[in-house]
Amino acid sequence: MREREVKRAVALRYEAAETSAPRVVATGSGEAAAAILAAAEEHGVPVEEDDALLEMLATCEVGEEIPPELYEAVAELLTWLHRLEGRLDAG
């Protein structure tokens, strides 16, 4: 099976005690995107594929908080992550 070519990736970090909104901590395309995804896999960080959200997040600079217009979409992503990690009930 041939590995899918990675065109772009964005990594977020959210620590409620540190910031009011998630921050972009890495972004890249091609080999940089592949490296971001490899680091996520190495550290057990789940990856969600959402091309529309990726396009919006890719406009943010590294270190920048996500803009308010992305709060709802990223909140849904964080809810998915918490459910995946068993922190929230599925219902």
PDB file of N, CA and C in Angstrom:
ATOM      1  N   MET A   1       0.838  -1.186   0.000  1.00  0.00           N
ATOM      2  CA  MET A   1       0.000   0.000   0.000  1.00  0.00           C
ATOM      3  C   MET A   1       0.876   1.240   0.000  1.00  0.00           C
ATOM      4  N   ARG A   2       0.615   2.141  -0.898  1.00  0.00           N
ATOM      5  CA  ARG A   2       1.396   3.371  -1.019  1.00  0.00           C
ATOM      6  C   ARG A   2       0.881   4.416  -0.041  1.00  0.00           C
ATOM      7  N   GLU A   3       1.817   5.087   0.647  1.00  0.00           N
ATOM      8  CA  GLU A   3       1.434   6.115   1.596  1.00  0.00           C
ATOM      9  C   GLU A   3       0.882   7.329   0.870  1.00  0.00           C
ATOM     10  N   ARG A   4      -0.148   7.912   1.455  1.00  0.00           N
ATOM     11  CA  ARG A   4      -0.780   9.108   0.903  1.00  0.00           C
ATOM     12  C   ARG A   4       0.170  10.292   1.006  1.00  0.00           C
ATOM     13  N   GLU A   5       0.260  11.070  -0.045  1.00  0.00           N
ATOM     14  CA  GLU A   5       1.110  12.251  -0.037  1.00  0.00           C
ATOM     15  C   GLU A   5       0.503  13.303   0.879  1.00  0.00           C
ATOM     16  N   VAL A   6       1.309  13.825   1.785  1.00  0.00           N
ATOM     17  CA  VAL A   6       0.849  14.850   2.715  1.00  0.00           C
ATOM     18  C   VAL A   6       1.153  16.210   2.103  1.00  0.00           C
ATOM     19  N   LYS A   7       0.107  16.984   1.882  1.00  0.00           N
ATOM     20  CA  LYS A   7       0.297  18.287   1.255  1.00  0.00           C
ATOM     21  C   LYS A   7       0.455  19.403   2.273  1.00  0.00           C
ATOM     22  N   ARG A   8      -0.299  19.340   3.380  1.00  0.00           N
ATOM     23  CA  ARG A   8      -0.258  20.420   4.355  1.00  0.00           C
ATOM     24  C   ARG A   8      -0.708  19.890   5.715  1.00  0.00           C
ATOM     25  N   ALA A   9      -0.150  20.471   6.774  1.00  0.00           N
ATOM     26  CA  ALA A   9      -0.545  20.100   8.134  1.00  0.00           C
ATOM     27  C   ALA A   9      -0.423  21.321   9.041  1.00  0.00           C
ATOM     28  N   VAL A  10      -1.278  21.349  10.055  1.00  0.00           N
ATOM     29  CA  VAL A  10      -1.244  22.400  11.077  1.00  0.00           C
ATOM     30  C   VAL A  10      -1.388  21.716  12.430  1.00  0.00           C
ATOM     31  N   ALA A  11      -0.584  22.133  13.392  1.00  0.00           N
ATOM     32  CA  ALA A  11      -0.667  21.592  14.743  1.00  0.00           C
ATOM     33  C   ALA A  11      -1.124  22.689  15.692  1.00  0.00           C
ATOM     34  N   LEU A  12      -2.040  22.315  16.594  1.00  0.00           N
ATOM     35  CA  LEU A  12      -2.556  23.254  17.586  1.00  0.00           C
ATOM     36  C   LEU A  12      -2.174  22.799  18.984  1.00  0.00           C
ATOM     37  N   ARG A  13      -2.124  23.745  19.898  1.00  0.00           N
ATOM     38  CA  ARG A  13      -1.911  23.448  21.318  1.00  0.00           C
ATOM     39  C   ARG A  13      -2.872  24.323  22.102  1.00  0.00           C
ATOM     40  N   TYR A  14      -3.509  23.716  23.097  1.00  0.00           N
ATOM     41  CA  TYR A  14      -4.410  24.492  23.945  1.00  0.00           C
ATOM     42  C   TYR A  14      -4.219  24.106  25.387  1.00  0.00           C
ATOM     43  N   GLU A  15      -3.811  25.052  26.168  1.00  0.00           N
ATOM     44  CA  GLU A  15      -3.680  24.903  27.612  1.00  0.00           C
ATOM     45  C   GLU A  15      -4.478  26.049  28.221  1.00  0.00           C
ATOM     46  N   ALA A  16      -5.622  25.710  28.813  1.00  0.00           N
ATOM     47  CA  ALA A  16      -6.528  26.729  29.338  1.00  0.00           C
ATOM     48  C   ALA A  16      -5.840  27.663  30.329  1.00  0.00           C
ATOM     49  N   ALA A  17      -4.891  27.146  31.097  1.00  0.00           N
ATOM     50  CA  ALA A  17      -4.199  27.978  32.082  1.00  0.00           C
ATOM     51  C   ALA A  17      -3.225  28.963  31.441  1.00  0.00           C
ATOM     52  N   GLU A  18      -2.818  28.677  30.198  1.00  0.00           N
ATOM     53  CA  GLU A  18      -1.802  29.498  29.537  1.00  0.00           C
ATOM     54  C   GLU A  18      -2.356  30.533  28.571  1.00  0.00           C
ATOM     55  N   THR A  19      -3.494  30.235  27.949  1.00  0.00           N
ATOM     56  CA  THR A  19      -3.990  31.088  26.875  1.00  0.00           C
ATOM     57  C   THR A  19      -5.511  31.012  26.806  1.00  0.00           C
ATOM     58  N   SER A  20      -6.121  32.014  26.198  1.00  0.00           N
ATOM     59  CA  SER A  20      -7.583  32.035  26.111  1.00  0.00           C
ATOM     60  C   SER A  20      -8.105  31.236  24.914  1.00  0.00           C
ATOM     61  N   ALA A  21      -7.231  30.913  23.970  1.00  0.00           N
ATOM     62  CA  ALA A  21      -7.643  30.162  22.777  1.00  0.00           C
ATOM     63  C   ALA A  21      -6.487  29.271  22.327  1.00  0.00           C
ATOM     64  N   PRO A  22      -6.795  28.228  21.567  1.00  0.00           N
ATOM     65  CA  PRO A  22      -5.714  27.383  21.037  1.00  0.00           C
ATOM     66  C   PRO A  22      -4.749  28.204  20.176  1.00  0.00           C
ATOM     67  N   ARG A  23      -3.501  27.796  20.189  1.00  0.00           N
ATOM     68  CA  ARG A  23      -2.466  28.444  19.379  1.00  0.00           C
ATOM     69  C   ARG A  23      -1.977  27.494  18.298  1.00  0.00           C
ATOM     70  N   VAL A  24      -1.587  28.057  17.185  1.00  0.00           N
ATOM     71  CA  VAL A  24      -0.933  27.295  16.129  1.00  0.00           C
ATOM     72  C   VAL A  24       0.520  27.127  16.552  1.00  0.00           C
ATOM     73  N   VAL A  25       0.971  25.879  16.654  1.00  0.00           N
ATOM     74  CA  VAL A  25       2.355  25.634  17.084  1.00  0.00           C
ATOM     75  C   VAL A  25       3.236  25.123  15.954  1.00  0.00           C
ATOM     76  N   ALA A  26       2.624  24.697  14.846  1.00  0.00           N
ATOM     77  CA  ALA A  26       3.403  24.270  13.679  1.00  0.00           C
ATOM     78  C   ALA A  26       2.492  24.289  12.461  1.00  0.00           C
ATOM     79  N   THR A  27       3.072  24.623  11.342  1.00  0.00           N
ATOM     80  CA  THR A  27       2.351  24.577  10.077  1.00  0.00           C
ATOM     81  C   THR A  27       3.371  24.328   8.976  1.00  0.00           C
ATOM     82  N   GLY A  28       2.966  23.603   7.969  1.00  0.00           N
ATOM     83  CA  GLY A  28       3.899  23.345   6.891  1.00  0.00           C
ATOM     84  C   GLY A  28       3.257  22.565   5.768  1.00  0.00           C
ATOM     85  N   SER A  29       3.975  22.496   4.669  1.00  0.00           N
ATOM     86  CA  SER A  29       3.502  21.719   3.520  1.00  0.00           C
ATOM     87  C   SER A  29       4.619  20.783   3.074  1.00  0.00           C
ATOM     88  N   GLY A  30       4.241  19.770   2.296  1.00  0.00           N
ATOM     89  CA  GLY A  30       5.226  18.823   1.783  1.00  0.00           C
ATOM     90  C   GLY A  30       5.958  18.081   2.883  1.00  0.00           C
ATOM     91  N   GLU A  31       7.276  18.139   2.851  1.00  0.00           N
ATOM     92  CA  GLU A  31       8.092  17.430   3.835  1.00  0.00           C
ATOM     93  C   GLU A  31       7.861  17.950   5.248  1.00  0.00           C
ATOM     94  N   ALA A  32       7.636  19.256   5.387  1.00  0.00           N
ATOM     95  CA  ALA A  32       7.364  19.825   6.714  1.00  0.00           C
ATOM     96  C   ALA A  32       6.063  19.264   7.273  1.00  0.00           C
ATOM     97  N   ALA A  33       5.042  19.135   6.428  1.00  0.00           N
ATOM     98  CA  ALA A  33       3.764  18.558   6.854  1.00  0.00           C
ATOM     99  C   ALA A  33       3.954  17.107   7.275  1.00  0.00           C
ATOM    100  N   ALA A  34       4.721  16.368   6.509  1.00  0.00           N
ATOM    101  CA  ALA A  34       4.992  14.973   6.850  1.00  0.00           C
ATOM    102  C   ALA A  34       5.705  14.882   8.197  1.00  0.00           C
ATOM    103  N   ALA A  35       6.610  15.802   8.466  1.00  0.00           N
ATOM    104  CA  ALA A  35       7.335  15.817   9.735  1.00  0.00           C
ATOM    105  C   ALA A  35       6.397  16.144  10.897  1.00  0.00           C
ATOM    106  N   ILE A  36       5.459  17.057  10.690  1.00  0.00           N
ATOM    107  CA  ILE A  36       4.473  17.396  11.725  1.00  0.00           C
ATOM    108  C   ILE A  36       3.644  16.161  12.060  1.00  0.00           C
ATOM    109  N   LEU A  37       3.173  15.475  11.032  1.00  0.00           N
ATOM    110  CA  LEU A  37       2.358  14.277  11.253  1.00  0.00           C
ATOM    111  C   LEU A  37       3.165  13.149  11.889  1.00  0.00           C
ATOM    112  N   ALA A  38       4.423  13.011  11.500  1.00  0.00           N
ATOM    113  CA  ALA A  38       5.280  11.986  12.102  1.00  0.00           C
ATOM    114  C   ALA A  38       5.506  12.280  13.584  1.00  0.00           C
ATOM    115  N   ALA A  39       5.711  13.542  13.928  1.00  0.00           N
ATOM    116  CA  ALA A  39       5.897  13.922  15.334  1.00  0.00           C
ATOM    117  C   ALA A  39       4.623  13.652  16.132  1.00  0.00           C
ATOM    118  N   ALA A  40       3.471  13.938  15.533  1.00  0.00           N
ATOM    119  CA  ALA A  40       2.197  13.662  16.209  1.00  0.00           C
ATOM    120  C   ALA A  40       2.071  12.167  16.483  1.00  0.00           C
ATOM    121  N   GLU A  41       2.375  11.350  15.485  1.00  0.00           N
ATOM    122  CA  GLU A  41       2.282   9.899  15.647  1.00  0.00           C
ATOM    123  C   GLU A  41       3.255   9.406  16.715  1.00  0.00           C
ATOM    124  N   GLU A  42       4.474   9.923  16.676  1.00  0.00           N
ATOM    125  CA  GLU A  42       5.501   9.514  17.635  1.00  0.00           C
ATOM    126  C   GLU A  42       5.087   9.808  19.072  1.00  0.00           C
ATOM    127  N   HIS A  43       4.349  10.900  19.269  1.00  0.00           N
ATOM    128  CA  HIS A  43       3.949  11.316  20.613  1.00  0.00           C
ATOM    129  C   HIS A  43       2.515  10.917  20.960  1.00  0.00           C
ATOM    130  N   GLY A  44       1.893  10.132  20.098  1.00  0.00           N
ATOM    131  CA  GLY A  44       0.544   9.662  20.380  1.00  0.00           C
ATOM    132  C   GLY A  44      -0.537  10.722  20.285  1.00  0.00           C
ATOM    133  N   VAL A  45      -0.282  11.745  19.491  1.00  0.00           N
ATOM    134  CA  VAL A  45      -1.261  12.821  19.316  1.00  0.00           C
ATOM    135  C   VAL A  45      -2.201  12.445  18.178  1.00  0.00           C
ATOM    136  N   PRO A  46      -3.510  12.404  18.452  1.00  0.00           N
ATOM    137  CA  PRO A  46      -4.462  12.073  17.389  1.00  0.00           C
ATOM    138  C   PRO A  46      -4.450  13.120  16.276  1.00  0.00           C
ATOM    139  N   VAL A  47      -4.755  12.666  15.078  1.00  0.00           N
ATOM    140  CA  VAL A  47      -4.776  13.548  13.912  1.00  0.00           C
ATOM    141  C   VAL A  47      -6.168  13.502  13.294  1.00  0.00           C
ATOM    142  N   GLU A  48      -6.724  14.664  13.036  1.00  0.00           N
ATOM    143  CA  GLU A  48      -8.025  14.774  12.376  1.00  0.00           C
ATOM    144  C   GLU A  48      -7.797  15.374  10.994  1.00  0.00           C
ATOM    145  N   GLU A  49      -8.386  14.760   9.990  1.00  0.00           N
ATOM    146  CA  GLU A  49      -8.272  15.278   8.627  1.00  0.00           C
ATOM    147  C   GLU A  49      -9.544  16.050   8.283  1.00  0.00           C
ATOM    148  N   ASP A  50      -9.399  17.355   8.140  1.00  0.00           N
ATOM    149  CA  ASP A  50     -10.517  18.233   7.801  1.00  0.00           C
ATOM    150  C   ASP A  50      -9.955  19.324   6.893  1.00  0.00           C
ATOM    151  N   ASP A  51     -10.094  19.131   5.593  1.00  0.00           N
ATOM    152  CA  ASP A  51      -9.481  20.042   4.625  1.00  0.00           C
ATOM    153  C   ASP A  51      -9.951  21.482   4.776  1.00  0.00           C
ATOM    154  N   ALA A  52     -11.238  21.688   5.049  1.00  0.00           N
ATOM    155  CA  ALA A  52     -11.765  23.051   5.181  1.00  0.00           C
ATOM    156  C   ALA A  52     -11.152  23.747   6.397  1.00  0.00           C
ATOM    157  N   LEU A  53     -11.109  23.060   7.533  1.00  0.00           N
ATOM    158  CA  LEU A  53     -10.515  23.641   8.730  1.00  0.00           C
ATOM    159  C   LEU A  53      -9.024  23.864   8.527  1.00  0.00           C
ATOM    160  N   LEU A  54      -8.367  22.929   7.887  1.00  0.00           N
ATOM    161  CA  LEU A  54      -6.937  23.061   7.602  1.00  0.00           C
ATOM    162  C   LEU A  54      -6.658  24.329   6.806  1.00  0.00           C
ATOM    163  N   GLU A  55      -7.446  24.578   5.793  1.00  0.00           N
ATOM    164  CA  GLU A  55      -7.253  25.780   4.966  1.00  0.00           C
ATOM    165  C   GLU A  55      -7.380  27.041   5.799  1.00  0.00           C
ATOM    166  N   MET A  56      -8.353  27.074   6.710  1.00  0.00           N
ATOM    167  CA  MET A  56      -8.545  28.265   7.552  1.00  0.00           C
ATOM    168  C   MET A  56      -7.413  28.415   8.563  1.00  0.00           C
ATOM    169  N   LEU A  57      -6.992  27.298   9.174  1.00  0.00           N
ATOM    170  CA  LEU A  57      -5.918  27.359  10.166  1.00  0.00           C
ATOM    171  C   LEU A  57      -4.572  27.689   9.535  1.00  0.00           C
ATOM    172  N   ALA A  58      -4.383  27.291   8.296  1.00  0.00           N
ATOM    173  CA  ALA A  58      -3.108  27.531   7.615  1.00  0.00           C
ATOM    174  C   ALA A  58      -2.845  29.022   7.381  1.00  0.00           C
ATOM    175  N   THR A  59      -3.857  29.851   7.533  1.00  0.00           N
ATOM    176  CA  THR A  59      -3.660  31.296   7.374  1.00  0.00           C
ATOM    177  C   THR A  59      -3.094  31.929   8.642  1.00  0.00           C
ATOM    178  N   CYS A  60      -3.084  31.177   9.749  1.00  0.00           N
ATOM    179  CA  CYS A  60      -2.570  31.688  11.016  1.00  0.00           C
ATOM    180  C   CYS A  60      -1.052  31.532  11.063  1.00  0.00           C
ATOM    181  N   GLU A  61      -0.416  32.448  11.753  1.00  0.00           N
ATOM    182  CA  GLU A  61       1.029  32.381  11.954  1.00  0.00           C
ATOM    183  C   GLU A  61       1.341  31.470  13.134  1.00  0.00           C
ATOM    184  N   VAL A  62       2.492  30.816  13.113  1.00  0.00           N
ATOM    185  CA  VAL A  62       2.933  29.996  14.233  1.00  0.00           C
ATOM    186  C   VAL A  62       3.053  30.891  15.467  1.00  0.00           C
ATOM    187  N   GLY A  63       2.490  30.426  16.574  1.00  0.00           N
ATOM    188  CA  GLY A  63       2.504  31.177  17.830  1.00  0.00           C
ATOM    189  C   GLY A  63       1.259  32.019  18.033  1.00  0.00           C
ATOM    190  N   GLU A  64       0.470  32.172  16.989  1.00  0.00           N
ATOM    191  CA  GLU A  64      -0.730  33.003  17.032  1.00  0.00           C
ATOM    192  C   GLU A  64      -1.925  32.195  17.547  1.00  0.00           C
ATOM    193  N   GLU A  65      -2.777  32.855  18.353  1.00  0.00           N
ATOM    194  CA  GLU A  65      -4.033  32.217  18.744  1.00  0.00           C
ATOM    195  C   GLU A  65      -4.937  32.134  17.521  1.00  0.00           C
ATOM    196  N   ILE A  66      -5.778  31.097  17.500  1.00  0.00           N
ATOM    197  CA  ILE A  66      -6.715  30.991  16.385  1.00  0.00           C
ATOM    198  C   ILE A  66      -7.690  32.163  16.455  1.00  0.00           C
ATOM    199  N   PRO A  67      -8.185  32.633  15.316  1.00  0.00           N
ATOM    200  CA  PRO A  67      -9.125  33.752  15.318  1.00  0.00           C
ATOM    201  C   PRO A  67     -10.502  33.321  15.838  1.00  0.00           C
ATOM    202  N   PRO A  68     -11.252  34.266  16.413  1.00  0.00           N
ATOM    203  CA  PRO A  68     -12.569  33.942  16.975  1.00  0.00           C
ATOM    204  C   PRO A  68     -13.510  33.234  16.002  1.00  0.00           C
ATOM    205  N   GLU A  69     -13.417  33.520  14.724  1.00  0.00           N
ATOM    206  CA  GLU A  69     -14.315  32.872  13.766  1.00  0.00           C
ATOM    207  C   GLU A  69     -14.053  31.367  13.633  1.00  0.00           C
ATOM    208  N   LEU A  70     -12.931  30.880  14.190  1.00  0.00           N
ATOM    209  CA  LEU A  70     -12.635  29.446  14.149  1.00  0.00           C
ATOM    210  C   LEU A  70     -12.908  28.752  15.482  1.00  0.00           C
ATOM    211  N   TYR A  71     -13.335  29.495  16.496  1.00  0.00           N
ATOM    212  CA  TYR A  71     -13.570  28.907  17.816  1.00  0.00           C
ATOM    213  C   TYR A  71     -14.527  27.715  17.754  1.00  0.00           C
ATOM    214  N   GLU A  72     -15.661  27.869  17.076  1.00  0.00           N
ATOM    215  CA  GLU A  72     -16.660  26.799  17.050  1.00  0.00           C
ATOM    216  C   GLU A  72     -16.104  25.539  16.384  1.00  0.00           C
ATOM    217  N   ALA A  73     -15.445  25.704  15.252  1.00  0.00           N
ATOM    218  CA  ALA A  73     -14.893  24.554  14.539  1.00  0.00           C
ATOM    219  C   ALA A  73     -13.819  23.854  15.371  1.00  0.00           C
ATOM    220  N   VAL A  74     -12.967  24.623  16.020  1.00  0.00           N
ATOM    221  CA  VAL A  74     -11.908  24.030  16.835  1.00  0.00           C
ATOM    222  C   VAL A  74     -12.498  23.430  18.114  1.00  0.00           C
ATOM    223  N   ALA A  75     -13.560  24.021  18.650  1.00  0.00           N
ATOM    224  CA  ALA A  75     -14.224  23.439  19.823  1.00  0.00           C
ATOM    225  C   ALA A  75     -14.770  22.052  19.479  1.00  0.00           C
ATOM    226  N   GLU A  76     -15.324  21.899  18.280  1.00  0.00           N
ATOM    227  CA  GLU A  76     -15.795  20.584  17.838  1.00  0.00           C
ATOM    228  C   GLU A  76     -14.638  19.602  17.738  1.00  0.00           C
ATOM    229  N   LEU A  77     -13.506  20.071  17.252  1.00  0.00           N
ATOM    230  CA  LEU A  77     -12.314  19.232  17.158  1.00  0.00           C
ATOM    231  C   LEU A  77     -11.840  18.809  18.552  1.00  0.00           C
ATOM    232  N   LEU A  78     -11.827  19.746  19.492  1.00  0.00           N
ATOM    233  CA  LEU A  78     -11.403  19.416  20.855  1.00  0.00           C
ATOM    234  C   LEU A  78     -12.377  18.456  21.524  1.00  0.00           C
ATOM    235  N   THR A  79     -13.666  18.605  21.247  1.00  0.00           N
ATOM    236  CA  THR A  79     -14.664  17.673  21.781  1.00  0.00           C
ATOM    237  C   THR A  79     -14.402  16.271  21.246  1.00  0.00           C
ATOM    238  N   TRP A  80     -14.117  16.168  19.945  1.00  0.00           N
ATOM    239  CA  TRP A  80     -13.777  14.871  19.333  1.00  0.00           C
ATOM    240  C   TRP A  80     -12.560  14.269  20.028  1.00  0.00           C
ATOM    241  N   LEU A  81     -11.550  15.090  20.257  1.00  0.00           N
ATOM    242  CA  LEU A  81     -10.326  14.623  20.893  1.00  0.00           C
ATOM    243  C   LEU A  81     -10.595  14.126  22.313  1.00  0.00           C
ATOM    244  N   HIS A  82     -11.373  14.881  23.072  1.00  0.00           N
ATOM    245  CA  HIS A  82     -11.674  14.476  24.444  1.00  0.00           C
ATOM    246  C   HIS A  82     -12.479  13.183  24.480  1.00  0.00           C
ATOM    247  N   ARG A  83     -13.396  13.018  23.522  1.00  0.00           N
ATOM    248  CA  ARG A  83     -14.153  11.768  23.456  1.00  0.00           C
ATOM    249  C   ARG A  83     -13.218  10.613  23.098  1.00  0.00           C
ATOM    250  N   LEU A  84     -12.320  10.865  22.168  1.00  0.00           N
ATOM    251  CA  LEU A  84     -11.369   9.843  21.740  1.00  0.00           C
ATOM    252  C   LEU A  84     -10.511   9.395  22.918  1.00  0.00           C
ATOM    253  N   GLU A  85     -10.140  10.339  23.757  1.00  0.00           N
ATOM    254  CA  GLU A  85      -9.299  10.039  24.916  1.00  0.00           C
ATOM    255  C   GLU A  85     -10.105   9.569  26.121  1.00  0.00           C
ATOM    256  N   GLY A  86     -11.455   9.485  25.968  1.00  0.00           N
ATOM    257  CA  GLY A  86     -12.299   8.988  27.038  1.00  0.00           C
ATOM    258  C   GLY A  86     -12.594   9.993  28.124  1.00  0.00           C
ATOM    259  N   ARG A  87     -12.352  11.269  27.869  1.00  0.00           N
ATOM    260  CA  ARG A  87     -12.625  12.292  28.878  1.00  0.00           C
ATOM    261  C   ARG A  87     -14.089  12.726  28.896  1.00  0.00           C
ATOM    262  N   LEU A  88     -14.814  12.471  27.803  1.00  0.00           N
ATOM    263  CA  LEU A  88     -16.237  12.832  27.725  1.00  0.00           C
ATOM    264  C   LEU A  88     -17.047  11.610  27.370  1.00  0.00           C
ATOM    265  N   ASP A  89     -18.279  11.582  27.833  1.00  0.00           N
ATOM    266  CA  ASP A  89     -19.191  10.519  27.419  1.00  0.00           C
ATOM    267  C   ASP A  89     -19.550  10.718  25.968  1.00  0.00           C
ATOM    268  N   ALA A  90     -19.755   9.632  25.251  1.00  0.00           N
ATOM    269  CA  ALA A  90     -20.126   9.702  23.820  1.00  0.00           C
ATOM    270  C   ALA A  90     -21.537  10.223  23.629  1.00  0.00           C
ATOM    271  N   GLY A  91     -22.369  10.222  24.636  1.00  0.00           N
ATOM    272  CA  GLY A  91     -23.770  10.631  24.502  1.00  0.00           C
ATOM    273  C   GLY A  91     -23.994  12.013  24.785  1.00  0.00           C
TER     274      GLY A  91
END
